[in-house]
Amino acid sequence: MKLSKNDFLALTNKNEIAITFGSSFSGDNKAILIPSSKPRFSKKYNLHKLTLTNKNNLGGAKFYAYLRGENVTFAYSDMAITINSIKVN
């Protein structure tokens, strides 16, 4: 399941993103994320970066979404994660 470029750029802090993800250390995890800021563009790396916060753990580690070209990838703190399912409300 992928997040489209248009959906990524349209995210605001009123949206909720429900994801199921896996990483190299653990199997399936679930989180409900809310954007902490609007997408920021980096000229140096030619990407958009969006900071996300876990709704159930606001003080915990942050999630990040990156838009490179047409692809949206995710990270949990400094570790890449694989999205198994995603739903934007």
N, C-alpha and C. Protein backbone atom coordinates (compact mmCIF):
# COMPACT_ATOMS: atom_id res chain seq x y z
N MET A 1 0.85 -1.17 0.00
CA MET A 1 0.00 0.00 0.00
C MET A 1 0.89 1.23 0.00
N LYS A 2 0.55 2.21 -0.82
CA LYS A 2 1.37 3.41 -0.92
C LYS A 2 0.53 4.65 -0.69
N LEU A 3 1.20 5.69 -0.28
CA LEU A 3 0.60 7.01 -0.15
C LEU A 3 0.98 7.79 -1.40
N SER A 4 0.01 8.39 -2.07
CA SER A 4 0.31 9.10 -3.31
C SER A 4 0.95 10.46 -3.01
N LYS A 5 1.58 11.02 -4.01
CA LYS A 5 2.24 12.32 -3.88
C LYS A 5 1.22 13.40 -3.53
N ASN A 6 0.07 13.39 -4.18
CA ASN A 6 -0.97 14.39 -3.91
C ASN A 6 -1.51 14.28 -2.50
N ASP A 7 -1.71 13.04 -2.02
CA ASP A 7 -2.18 12.83 -0.65
C ASP A 7 -1.15 13.32 0.36
N PHE A 8 0.13 13.06 0.07
CA PHE A 8 1.21 13.49 0.95
C PHE A 8 1.23 15.00 1.09
N LEU A 9 1.18 15.71 -0.04
CA LEU A 9 1.26 17.17 -0.02
C LEU A 9 0.01 17.82 0.57
N ALA A 10 -1.11 17.10 0.59
CA ALA A 10 -2.36 17.64 1.12
C ALA A 10 -2.54 17.40 2.62
N LEU A 11 -1.63 16.68 3.26
CA LEU A 11 -1.77 16.38 4.68
C LEU A 11 -1.66 17.64 5.53
N THR A 12 -2.54 17.75 6.51
CA THR A 12 -2.50 18.83 7.49
C THR A 12 -2.58 18.21 8.87
N ASN A 13 -2.43 19.03 9.91
CA ASN A 13 -2.48 18.46 11.26
C ASN A 13 -3.90 18.11 11.70
N LYS A 14 -4.88 18.23 10.81
CA LYS A 14 -6.24 17.76 11.09
C LYS A 14 -6.44 16.33 10.63
N ASN A 15 -5.50 15.80 9.84
CA ASN A 15 -5.59 14.44 9.35
C ASN A 15 -5.04 13.44 10.36
N GLU A 16 -5.54 12.23 10.29
CA GLU A 16 -4.96 11.11 11.04
C GLU A 16 -4.56 10.05 10.04
N ILE A 17 -3.42 9.44 10.27
CA ILE A 17 -2.90 8.40 9.39
C ILE A 17 -2.76 7.13 10.22
N ALA A 18 -3.53 6.12 9.89
CA ALA A 18 -3.44 4.82 10.58
C ALA A 18 -2.52 3.93 9.75
N ILE A 19 -1.43 3.46 10.35
CA ILE A 19 -0.49 2.61 9.62
C ILE A 19 -0.23 1.31 10.37
N THR A 20 0.07 0.30 9.61
CA THR A 20 0.62 -0.95 10.13
C THR A 20 1.97 -1.09 9.46
N PHE A 21 3.00 -1.26 10.26
CA PHE A 21 4.35 -1.26 9.70
C PHE A 21 5.21 -2.34 10.32
N GLY A 22 6.28 -2.68 9.61
CA GLY A 22 7.26 -3.62 10.09
C GLY A 22 8.63 -2.97 10.02
N SER A 23 9.57 -3.52 10.79
CA SER A 23 10.94 -3.02 10.76
C SER A 23 11.87 -4.21 10.85
N SER A 24 13.16 -3.93 10.84
CA SER A 24 14.12 -5.02 10.91
C SER A 24 14.15 -5.68 12.29
N PHE A 25 13.61 -5.00 13.31
CA PHE A 25 13.65 -5.54 14.67
C PHE A 25 12.35 -6.16 15.13
N SER A 26 11.24 -5.75 14.53
CA SER A 26 9.97 -6.26 15.01
C SER A 26 9.03 -6.52 13.86
N GLY A 27 8.00 -7.28 14.13
CA GLY A 27 7.01 -7.62 13.12
C GLY A 27 6.02 -6.50 12.90
N ASP A 28 4.74 -6.84 12.91
CA ASP A 28 3.71 -5.85 12.66
C ASP A 28 3.46 -4.98 13.88
N ASN A 29 3.50 -3.68 13.66
CA ASN A 29 3.18 -2.69 14.67
C ASN A 29 2.10 -1.80 14.11
N LYS A 30 1.30 -1.21 14.99
CA LYS A 30 0.24 -0.30 14.56
C LYS A 30 0.44 1.04 15.24
N ALA A 31 0.10 2.10 14.51
CA ALA A 31 0.20 3.44 15.07
C ALA A 31 -0.80 4.35 14.36
N ILE A 32 -1.30 5.32 15.11
CA ILE A 32 -2.13 6.38 14.54
C ILE A 32 -1.28 7.64 14.63
N LEU A 33 -0.99 8.22 13.47
CA LEU A 33 -0.07 9.35 13.40
C LEU A 33 -0.81 10.63 13.03
N ILE A 34 -0.34 11.73 13.59
CA ILE A 34 -0.85 13.04 13.23
C ILE A 34 0.34 13.90 12.80
N PRO A 35 0.20 14.65 11.71
CA PRO A 35 1.30 15.52 11.26
C PRO A 35 1.58 16.61 12.28
N SER A 36 2.86 16.84 12.59
CA SER A 36 3.27 17.88 13.53
C SER A 36 3.56 19.19 12.81
N SER A 37 3.78 19.11 11.51
CA SER A 37 4.10 20.30 10.74
C SER A 37 3.68 20.07 9.30
N LYS A 38 3.77 21.11 8.49
CA LYS A 38 3.50 20.93 7.07
C LYS A 38 4.75 20.36 6.40
N PRO A 39 4.61 19.76 5.22
CA PRO A 39 5.80 19.21 4.55
C PRO A 39 6.83 20.30 4.25
N ARG A 40 8.07 20.03 4.58
CA ARG A 40 9.18 20.96 4.33
C ARG A 40 9.98 20.45 3.15
N PHE A 41 10.47 21.37 2.30
CA PHE A 41 11.24 20.98 1.13
C PHE A 41 12.72 21.27 1.36
N SER A 42 13.57 20.32 1.01
CA SER A 42 15.02 20.47 1.10
C SER A 42 15.59 20.57 -0.31
N LYS A 43 16.16 21.73 -0.64
CA LYS A 43 16.79 21.89 -1.95
C LYS A 43 18.05 21.04 -2.06
N LYS A 44 18.78 20.90 -0.96
CA LYS A 44 20.03 20.16 -0.97
C LYS A 44 19.81 18.69 -1.34
N TYR A 45 18.78 18.06 -0.75
CA TYR A 45 18.53 16.64 -0.98
C TYR A 45 17.36 16.38 -1.93
N ASN A 46 16.70 17.45 -2.39
CA ASN A 46 15.59 17.36 -3.33
C ASN A 46 14.49 16.41 -2.82
N LEU A 47 14.00 16.69 -1.61
CA LEU A 47 12.92 15.89 -1.04
C LEU A 47 12.05 16.74 -0.14
N HIS A 48 10.83 16.26 0.09
CA HIS A 48 9.91 16.85 1.06
C HIS A 48 9.94 15.97 2.31
N LYS A 49 9.94 16.60 3.48
CA LYS A 49 9.97 15.87 4.74
C LYS A 49 8.78 16.31 5.60
N LEU A 50 8.08 15.34 6.15
CA LEU A 50 6.94 15.60 7.02
C LEU A 50 7.17 14.89 8.35
N THR A 51 7.06 15.64 9.45
CA THR A 51 7.22 15.07 10.78
C THR A 51 5.86 14.64 11.29
N LEU A 52 5.78 13.42 11.81
CA LEU A 52 4.54 12.85 12.32
C LEU A 52 4.74 12.43 13.77
N THR A 53 3.67 12.53 14.56
CA THR A 53 3.70 12.15 15.97
C THR A 53 2.67 11.06 16.22
N ASN A 54 3.04 10.08 17.04
CA ASN A 54 2.11 9.02 17.42
C ASN A 54 1.05 9.62 18.33
N LYS A 55 -0.22 9.48 17.95
CA LYS A 55 -1.32 10.07 18.72
C LYS A 55 -1.39 9.51 20.14
N ASN A 56 -1.01 8.27 20.32
CA ASN A 56 -1.09 7.63 21.64
C ASN A 56 0.16 7.84 22.49
N ASN A 57 1.22 8.42 21.91
CA ASN A 57 2.46 8.66 22.64
C ASN A 57 3.08 9.95 22.11
N LEU A 58 2.52 11.08 22.50
CA LEU A 58 2.94 12.36 21.94
C LEU A 58 4.38 12.72 22.28
N GLY A 59 4.90 12.23 23.38
CA GLY A 59 6.27 12.55 23.78
C GLY A 59 7.29 11.54 23.29
N GLY A 60 6.85 10.54 22.56
CA GLY A 60 7.75 9.48 22.10
C GLY A 60 8.53 9.87 20.85
N ALA A 61 9.20 8.88 20.30
CA ALA A 61 10.00 9.11 19.10
C ALA A 61 9.10 9.51 17.93
N LYS A 62 9.62 10.34 17.06
CA LYS A 62 8.86 10.85 15.93
C LYS A 62 8.93 9.91 14.74
N PHE A 63 7.91 9.97 13.92
CA PHE A 63 7.89 9.30 12.63
C PHE A 63 8.15 10.37 11.58
N TYR A 64 8.74 9.97 10.46
CA TYR A 64 9.01 10.89 9.37
C TYR A 64 8.53 10.28 8.07
N ALA A 65 7.97 11.11 7.20
CA ALA A 65 7.58 10.69 5.85
C ALA A 65 8.38 11.54 4.88
N TYR A 66 8.96 10.89 3.87
CA TYR A 66 9.79 11.57 2.89
C TYR A 66 9.19 11.36 1.51
N LEU A 67 9.14 12.43 0.73
CA LEU A 67 8.68 12.36 -0.65
C LEU A 67 9.87 12.64 -1.55
N ARG A 68 10.31 11.59 -2.26
CA ARG A 68 11.40 11.70 -3.23
C ARG A 68 10.83 11.38 -4.60
N GLY A 69 10.71 12.38 -5.46
CA GLY A 69 10.10 12.14 -6.77
C GLY A 69 8.63 11.81 -6.59
N GLU A 70 8.25 10.60 -6.94
CA GLU A 70 6.86 10.14 -6.79
C GLU A 70 6.70 9.15 -5.62
N ASN A 71 7.79 8.79 -4.93
CA ASN A 71 7.75 7.77 -3.89
C ASN A 71 7.72 8.39 -2.49
N VAL A 72 6.84 7.86 -1.65
CA VAL A 72 6.77 8.27 -0.26
C VAL A 72 7.31 7.14 0.60
N THR A 73 8.32 7.44 1.43
CA THR A 73 8.91 6.45 2.32
C THR A 73 8.76 6.94 3.76
N PHE A 74 8.85 6.01 4.70
CA PHE A 74 8.65 6.34 6.11
C PHE A 74 9.83 5.89 6.94
N ALA A 75 10.02 6.59 8.08
CA ALA A 75 11.05 6.23 9.05
C ALA A 75 10.48 6.43 10.45
N TYR A 76 10.95 5.60 11.38
CA TYR A 76 10.61 5.75 12.79
C TYR A 76 11.90 6.15 13.48
N SER A 77 11.98 7.39 13.92
CA SER A 77 13.20 7.98 14.44
C SER A 77 14.26 7.94 13.35
N ASP A 78 15.31 7.14 13.51
CA ASP A 78 16.35 7.08 12.47
C ASP A 78 16.35 5.73 11.75
N MET A 79 15.27 4.95 11.88
CA MET A 79 15.20 3.61 11.29
C MET A 79 14.11 3.56 10.23
N ALA A 80 14.46 3.08 9.06
CA ALA A 80 13.47 2.93 7.99
C ALA A 80 12.44 1.86 8.38
N ILE A 81 11.19 2.08 7.99
CA ILE A 81 10.14 1.10 8.24
C ILE A 81 9.44 0.76 6.94
N THR A 82 8.84 -0.42 6.91
CA THR A 82 8.09 -0.89 5.75
C THR A 82 6.61 -0.78 6.07
N ILE A 83 5.88 -0.05 5.24
CA ILE A 83 4.44 0.13 5.45
C ILE A 83 3.68 -1.05 4.87
N ASN A 84 2.93 -1.74 5.71
CA ASN A 84 2.10 -2.84 5.26
C ASN A 84 0.70 -2.37 4.86
N SER A 85 0.15 -1.42 5.61
CA SER A 85 -1.13 -0.83 5.24
C SER A 85 -1.16 0.60 5.76
N ILE A 86 -1.91 1.43 5.05
CA ILE A 86 -2.02 2.84 5.41
C ILE A 86 -3.41 3.33 5.07
N LYS A 87 -3.96 4.17 5.97
CA LYS A 87 -5.28 4.75 5.75
C LYS A 87 -5.25 6.18 6.27
N VAL A 88 -5.63 7.13 5.41
CA VAL A 88 -5.66 8.54 5.78
C VAL A 88 -7.09 8.95 6.04
N ASN A 89 -7.34 9.55 7.20
CA ASN A 89 -8.68 10.06 7.55
C ASN A 89 -8.66 11.57 7.51
